[in-house]
N, C-alpha and C. Protein backbone atom coordinates (compact mmCIF):
# COMPACT_ATOMS: atom_id res chain seq x y z
N MET A 1 102.14 46.62 111.00
CA MET A 1 101.91 48.05 110.98
C MET A 1 102.04 48.59 109.55
N TYR A 2 103.03 48.09 108.82
CA TYR A 2 103.26 48.53 107.44
C TYR A 2 102.06 48.18 106.56
N THR A 3 101.51 46.98 106.73
CA THR A 3 100.34 46.56 105.96
C THR A 3 99.15 47.46 106.28
N LEU A 4 98.97 47.81 107.52
CA LEU A 4 97.89 48.70 107.91
C LEU A 4 98.06 50.07 107.25
N PHE A 5 99.30 50.57 107.22
CA PHE A 5 99.59 51.84 106.56
C PHE A 5 99.21 51.76 105.08
N LYS A 6 99.59 50.68 104.41
CA LYS A 6 99.27 50.52 102.98
C LYS A 6 97.77 50.52 102.76
N ILE A 7 97.05 49.81 103.60
CA ILE A 7 95.59 49.74 103.46
C ILE A 7 94.97 51.11 103.66
N LEU A 8 95.37 51.81 104.71
CA LEU A 8 94.80 53.13 105.00
C LEU A 8 95.14 54.14 103.91
N PHE A 9 96.37 54.16 103.46
CA PHE A 9 96.79 55.09 102.41
C PHE A 9 96.01 54.85 101.13
N THR A 10 95.87 53.60 100.74
CA THR A 10 95.13 53.24 99.54
C THR A 10 93.66 53.60 99.68
N ALA A 11 93.08 53.33 100.83
CA ALA A 11 91.67 53.66 101.08
C ALA A 11 91.43 55.16 101.02
N VAL A 12 92.35 55.94 101.53
CA VAL A 12 92.22 57.40 101.50
C VAL A 12 92.13 57.90 100.06
N ILE A 13 92.92 57.34 99.19
CA ILE A 13 92.89 57.76 97.78
C ILE A 13 91.52 57.49 97.17
N ILE A 14 90.95 56.33 97.45
CA ILE A 14 89.63 55.99 96.90
C ILE A 14 88.57 56.92 97.46
N VAL A 15 88.64 57.22 98.75
CA VAL A 15 87.67 58.12 99.36
C VAL A 15 87.80 59.53 98.76
N VAL A 16 89.03 59.98 98.54
CA VAL A 16 89.24 61.30 97.95
C VAL A 16 88.61 61.36 96.55
N ILE A 17 88.78 60.32 95.76
CA ILE A 17 88.18 60.30 94.42
C ILE A 17 86.65 60.35 94.52
N SER A 18 86.07 59.60 95.44
CA SER A 18 84.61 59.62 95.56
C SER A 18 84.11 60.98 96.05
N GLU A 19 84.88 61.65 96.89
CA GLU A 19 84.51 63.00 97.35
C GLU A 19 84.62 64.01 96.21
N ILE A 20 85.64 63.88 95.39
CA ILE A 20 85.79 64.75 94.22
C ILE A 20 84.61 64.54 93.28
N ALA A 21 84.17 63.31 93.12
CA ALA A 21 83.05 62.99 92.22
C ALA A 21 81.76 63.67 92.65
N LYS A 22 81.59 63.91 93.95
CA LYS A 22 80.39 64.60 94.42
C LYS A 22 80.34 66.04 93.89
N ARG A 23 81.52 66.59 93.63
CA ARG A 23 81.59 67.97 93.16
C ARG A 23 81.75 68.06 91.65
N SER A 24 82.50 67.12 91.08
CA SER A 24 82.75 67.15 89.63
C SER A 24 83.10 65.75 89.15
N THR A 25 82.20 65.15 88.38
CA THR A 25 82.50 63.81 87.86
C THR A 25 83.62 63.89 86.83
N LEU A 26 83.76 65.03 86.14
CA LEU A 26 84.86 65.18 85.18
C LEU A 26 86.20 65.12 85.91
N MET A 27 86.34 65.89 86.97
CA MET A 27 87.61 65.89 87.72
C MET A 27 87.86 64.52 88.35
N ALA A 28 86.81 63.90 88.89
CA ALA A 28 86.97 62.57 89.47
C ALA A 28 87.38 61.57 88.40
N GLY A 29 86.80 61.70 87.21
CA GLY A 29 87.17 60.82 86.10
C GLY A 29 88.63 60.98 85.72
N ILE A 30 89.09 62.22 85.71
CA ILE A 30 90.51 62.47 85.39
C ILE A 30 91.41 61.85 86.46
N VAL A 31 91.08 62.10 87.72
CA VAL A 31 91.90 61.55 88.81
C VAL A 31 91.85 60.02 88.81
N ALA A 32 90.65 59.47 88.61
CA ALA A 32 90.51 58.01 88.64
C ALA A 32 91.16 57.35 87.43
N SER A 33 91.25 58.07 86.31
CA SER A 33 91.83 57.46 85.12
C SER A 33 93.36 57.38 85.19
N VAL A 34 93.94 58.20 86.06
CA VAL A 34 95.37 58.09 86.30
C VAL A 34 95.57 56.73 86.96
N PRO A 35 96.53 55.98 86.53
CA PRO A 35 96.66 54.62 87.09
C PRO A 35 97.16 54.60 88.53
N LEU A 36 96.34 55.20 89.42
CA LEU A 36 96.72 55.27 90.83
C LEU A 36 96.84 53.89 91.47
N THR A 37 95.90 53.01 91.15
CA THR A 37 95.95 51.67 91.71
C THR A 37 97.23 50.97 91.27
N SER A 38 97.55 51.09 89.99
CA SER A 38 98.77 50.47 89.48
C SER A 38 100.00 51.10 90.11
N LEU A 39 99.99 52.42 90.21
CA LEU A 39 101.12 53.12 90.83
C LEU A 39 101.33 52.65 92.26
N LEU A 40 100.24 52.53 93.02
CA LEU A 40 100.36 52.03 94.39
C LEU A 40 100.85 50.58 94.41
N ALA A 41 100.31 49.76 93.51
CA ALA A 41 100.73 48.36 93.47
C ALA A 41 102.22 48.25 93.13
N PHE A 42 102.69 49.05 92.16
CA PHE A 42 104.12 49.04 91.82
C PHE A 42 104.96 49.47 93.02
N THR A 43 104.51 50.53 93.67
CA THR A 43 105.26 51.05 94.81
C THR A 43 105.33 50.03 95.94
N TRP A 44 104.16 49.48 96.32
CA TRP A 44 104.15 48.51 97.43
C TRP A 44 104.96 47.27 97.05
N LEU A 45 104.80 46.79 95.82
CA LEU A 45 105.55 45.59 95.39
C LEU A 45 107.05 45.84 95.44
N TYR A 46 107.48 46.99 94.93
CA TYR A 46 108.92 47.26 94.92
C TYR A 46 109.48 47.40 96.33
N PHE A 47 108.79 48.18 97.18
CA PHE A 47 109.30 48.37 98.53
C PHE A 47 109.25 47.09 99.35
N ASP A 48 108.30 46.20 99.03
CA ASP A 48 108.20 44.93 99.75
C ASP A 48 109.25 43.93 99.28
N THR A 49 109.59 43.96 97.98
CA THR A 49 110.47 42.92 97.42
C THR A 49 111.81 43.42 96.90
N GLN A 50 111.90 44.72 96.61
CA GLN A 50 113.08 45.29 95.96
C GLN A 50 113.37 44.61 94.62
N ASP A 51 112.33 44.12 93.98
CA ASP A 51 112.46 43.36 92.73
C ASP A 51 111.84 44.12 91.56
N SER A 52 112.71 44.82 90.79
CA SER A 52 112.18 45.58 89.66
C SER A 52 111.66 44.68 88.55
N LEU A 53 112.14 43.45 88.47
CA LEU A 53 111.61 42.53 87.46
C LEU A 53 110.16 42.16 87.77
N ALA A 54 109.84 42.02 89.05
CA ALA A 54 108.45 41.74 89.43
C ALA A 54 107.57 42.93 89.07
N VAL A 55 108.07 44.14 89.27
CA VAL A 55 107.33 45.34 88.90
C VAL A 55 107.14 45.38 87.39
N MET A 56 108.18 45.03 86.65
CA MET A 56 108.10 45.00 85.19
C MET A 56 107.05 43.98 84.73
N ASP A 57 107.04 42.80 85.32
CA ASP A 57 106.04 41.78 84.98
C ASP A 57 104.63 42.25 85.30
N LEU A 58 104.47 42.87 86.46
CA LEU A 58 103.16 43.39 86.83
C LEU A 58 102.70 44.46 85.84
N SER A 59 103.61 45.34 85.46
CA SER A 59 103.28 46.39 84.50
C SER A 59 102.85 45.80 83.16
N ARG A 60 103.56 44.81 82.70
CA ARG A 60 103.23 44.13 81.44
C ARG A 60 101.86 43.46 81.53
N ASN A 61 101.61 42.79 82.64
CA ASN A 61 100.33 42.11 82.82
C ASN A 61 99.17 43.10 82.89
N ILE A 62 99.38 44.23 83.54
CA ILE A 62 98.34 45.25 83.60
C ILE A 62 98.06 45.77 82.19
N LEU A 63 99.11 46.04 81.43
CA LEU A 63 98.94 46.51 80.06
C LEU A 63 98.14 45.52 79.23
N LEU A 64 98.43 44.26 79.37
CA LEU A 64 97.70 43.23 78.62
C LEU A 64 96.24 43.12 79.06
N MET A 65 95.94 43.51 80.28
CA MET A 65 94.57 43.37 80.80
C MET A 65 93.70 44.60 80.56
N ILE A 66 94.25 45.65 79.97
CA ILE A 66 93.44 46.84 79.70
C ILE A 66 92.29 46.56 78.73
N PRO A 67 92.54 45.89 77.60
CA PRO A 67 91.42 45.69 76.65
C PRO A 67 90.17 45.05 77.25
N PRO A 68 90.27 43.94 77.98
CA PRO A 68 89.02 43.37 78.51
C PRO A 68 88.39 44.23 79.60
N SER A 69 89.19 45.01 80.31
CA SER A 69 88.61 45.85 81.37
C SER A 69 87.74 46.96 80.80
N LEU A 70 87.94 47.30 79.54
CA LEU A 70 87.12 48.34 78.91
C LEU A 70 85.65 47.94 78.81
N MET A 71 85.37 46.64 78.82
CA MET A 71 83.99 46.17 78.74
C MET A 71 83.14 46.78 79.86
N PHE A 72 83.71 46.87 81.05
CA PHE A 72 82.97 47.43 82.18
C PHE A 72 82.56 48.87 81.90
N PHE A 73 83.50 49.66 81.38
CA PHE A 73 83.26 51.08 81.15
C PHE A 73 82.39 51.33 79.91
N ILE A 74 82.21 50.33 79.09
CA ILE A 74 81.29 50.42 77.96
C ILE A 74 79.89 49.99 78.42
N ALA A 75 79.82 48.88 79.13
CA ALA A 75 78.52 48.31 79.52
C ALA A 75 77.79 49.16 80.55
N LEU A 76 78.49 49.63 81.59
CA LEU A 76 77.80 50.33 82.67
C LEU A 76 77.04 51.57 82.19
N PRO A 77 77.66 52.50 81.45
CA PRO A 77 76.87 53.66 81.04
C PRO A 77 75.76 53.30 80.05
N LEU A 78 75.99 52.29 79.22
CA LEU A 78 74.92 51.87 78.31
C LEU A 78 73.71 51.35 79.07
N LEU A 79 73.95 50.48 80.03
CA LEU A 79 72.86 49.90 80.81
C LEU A 79 72.13 50.97 81.63
N LEU A 80 72.89 51.87 82.23
CA LEU A 80 72.26 52.95 82.99
C LEU A 80 71.46 53.87 82.07
N GLY A 81 71.98 54.08 80.85
CA GLY A 81 71.28 54.89 79.86
C GLY A 81 69.97 54.27 79.41
N TRP A 82 69.86 52.97 79.55
CA TRP A 82 68.62 52.26 79.20
C TRP A 82 67.68 52.21 80.41
N ASN A 83 67.95 53.04 81.40
CA ASN A 83 67.15 53.16 82.63
C ASN A 83 67.08 51.87 83.44
N MET A 84 68.13 51.08 83.37
CA MET A 84 68.23 49.89 84.21
C MET A 84 68.69 50.36 85.60
N SER A 85 68.29 49.66 86.63
CA SER A 85 68.69 50.07 87.98
C SER A 85 70.22 50.02 88.11
N PHE A 86 70.73 50.83 89.02
CA PHE A 86 72.18 50.90 89.21
C PHE A 86 72.76 49.54 89.60
N ILE A 87 72.13 48.90 90.59
CA ILE A 87 72.66 47.62 91.08
C ILE A 87 72.67 46.57 89.98
N LEU A 88 71.57 46.47 89.23
CA LEU A 88 71.51 45.49 88.14
C LEU A 88 72.52 45.84 87.05
N SER A 89 72.65 47.11 86.72
CA SER A 89 73.63 47.55 85.72
C SER A 89 75.04 47.19 86.17
N LEU A 90 75.32 47.41 87.45
CA LEU A 90 76.64 47.09 87.99
C LEU A 90 76.90 45.59 87.93
N LEU A 91 75.93 44.79 88.35
CA LEU A 91 76.11 43.33 88.33
C LEU A 91 76.30 42.80 86.91
N ILE A 92 75.51 43.30 85.97
CA ILE A 92 75.65 42.85 84.58
C ILE A 92 77.00 43.29 84.02
N SER A 93 77.40 44.52 84.31
CA SER A 93 78.69 45.02 83.82
C SER A 93 79.85 44.20 84.35
N VAL A 94 79.81 43.89 85.64
CA VAL A 94 80.87 43.08 86.24
C VAL A 94 80.86 41.67 85.63
N SER A 95 79.68 41.10 85.45
CA SER A 95 79.57 39.76 84.86
C SER A 95 80.10 39.73 83.43
N LEU A 96 79.68 40.71 82.63
CA LEU A 96 80.17 40.78 81.25
C LEU A 96 81.68 40.94 81.21
N THR A 97 82.19 41.77 82.10
CA THR A 97 83.64 41.98 82.16
C THR A 97 84.35 40.68 82.52
N GLY A 98 83.81 39.94 83.46
CA GLY A 98 84.41 38.65 83.83
C GLY A 98 84.42 37.68 82.67
N ILE A 99 83.33 37.64 81.92
CA ILE A 99 83.25 36.75 80.75
C ILE A 99 84.28 37.18 79.70
N VAL A 100 84.38 38.48 79.47
CA VAL A 100 85.34 38.98 78.47
C VAL A 100 86.77 38.68 78.92
N TYR A 101 87.07 38.81 80.21
CA TYR A 101 88.39 38.44 80.72
C TYR A 101 88.68 36.97 80.42
N TRP A 102 87.73 36.11 80.72
CA TRP A 102 87.91 34.68 80.51
C TRP A 102 88.19 34.38 79.04
N VAL A 103 87.38 34.95 78.14
CA VAL A 103 87.57 34.74 76.70
C VAL A 103 88.91 35.31 76.26
N TYR A 104 89.25 36.49 76.75
CA TYR A 104 90.51 37.15 76.39
C TYR A 104 91.71 36.30 76.81
N LEU A 105 91.69 35.78 78.03
CA LEU A 105 92.79 34.93 78.49
C LEU A 105 92.89 33.66 77.65
N TYR A 106 91.75 33.11 77.26
CA TYR A 106 91.74 31.94 76.39
C TYR A 106 92.40 32.28 75.04
N ILE A 107 92.05 33.43 74.49
CA ILE A 107 92.63 33.86 73.20
C ILE A 107 94.13 34.09 73.35
N LEU A 108 94.55 34.76 74.42
CA LEU A 108 95.98 34.97 74.64
C LEU A 108 96.71 33.64 74.71
N ASN A 109 96.14 32.71 75.45
CA ASN A 109 96.74 31.39 75.59
C ASN A 109 96.82 30.68 74.24
N PHE A 110 95.77 30.82 73.43
CA PHE A 110 95.73 30.21 72.10
C PHE A 110 96.89 30.72 71.25
N PHE A 111 97.23 32.00 71.38
CA PHE A 111 98.32 32.59 70.61
C PHE A 111 99.68 32.46 71.31
N GLY A 112 99.71 31.68 72.37
CA GLY A 112 100.99 31.40 73.04
C GLY A 112 101.44 32.49 74.00
N ILE A 113 100.56 33.38 74.39
CA ILE A 113 100.90 34.42 75.34
C ILE A 113 100.46 33.95 76.71
N HIS A 114 101.43 33.61 77.53
CA HIS A 114 101.15 33.10 78.86
C HIS A 114 101.56 34.16 79.88
N LEU A 115 100.63 34.56 80.70
CA LEU A 115 100.93 35.57 81.70
C LEU A 115 101.63 34.93 82.89
N VAL A 116 102.56 35.67 83.45
CA VAL A 116 103.35 35.18 84.57
C VAL A 116 102.57 35.34 85.85
């Protein structure tokens, strides 16, 4: 029952953001840029485990993963601006982001930064 509650609560937040976007992409961007997903993940992890060190590790890992995730937000508007179809732009953006993540993790590993 608790897992179902977590799923429904998290889904409601995503639906609310998409509904806000229908009225104002600026407001939706502001709401979506707040680390709601991370906040929910921290909350669920802590209440499930009572382990603040796990929350700390998750927070550190999220912080380290911000740079490669920016590729998606750079590529998608550029591709759409070049009049590429939405689906193709989305697929290319996700693919580029995946490649950048892979390279980024390789670079982190090269410098001795191992994620937990």
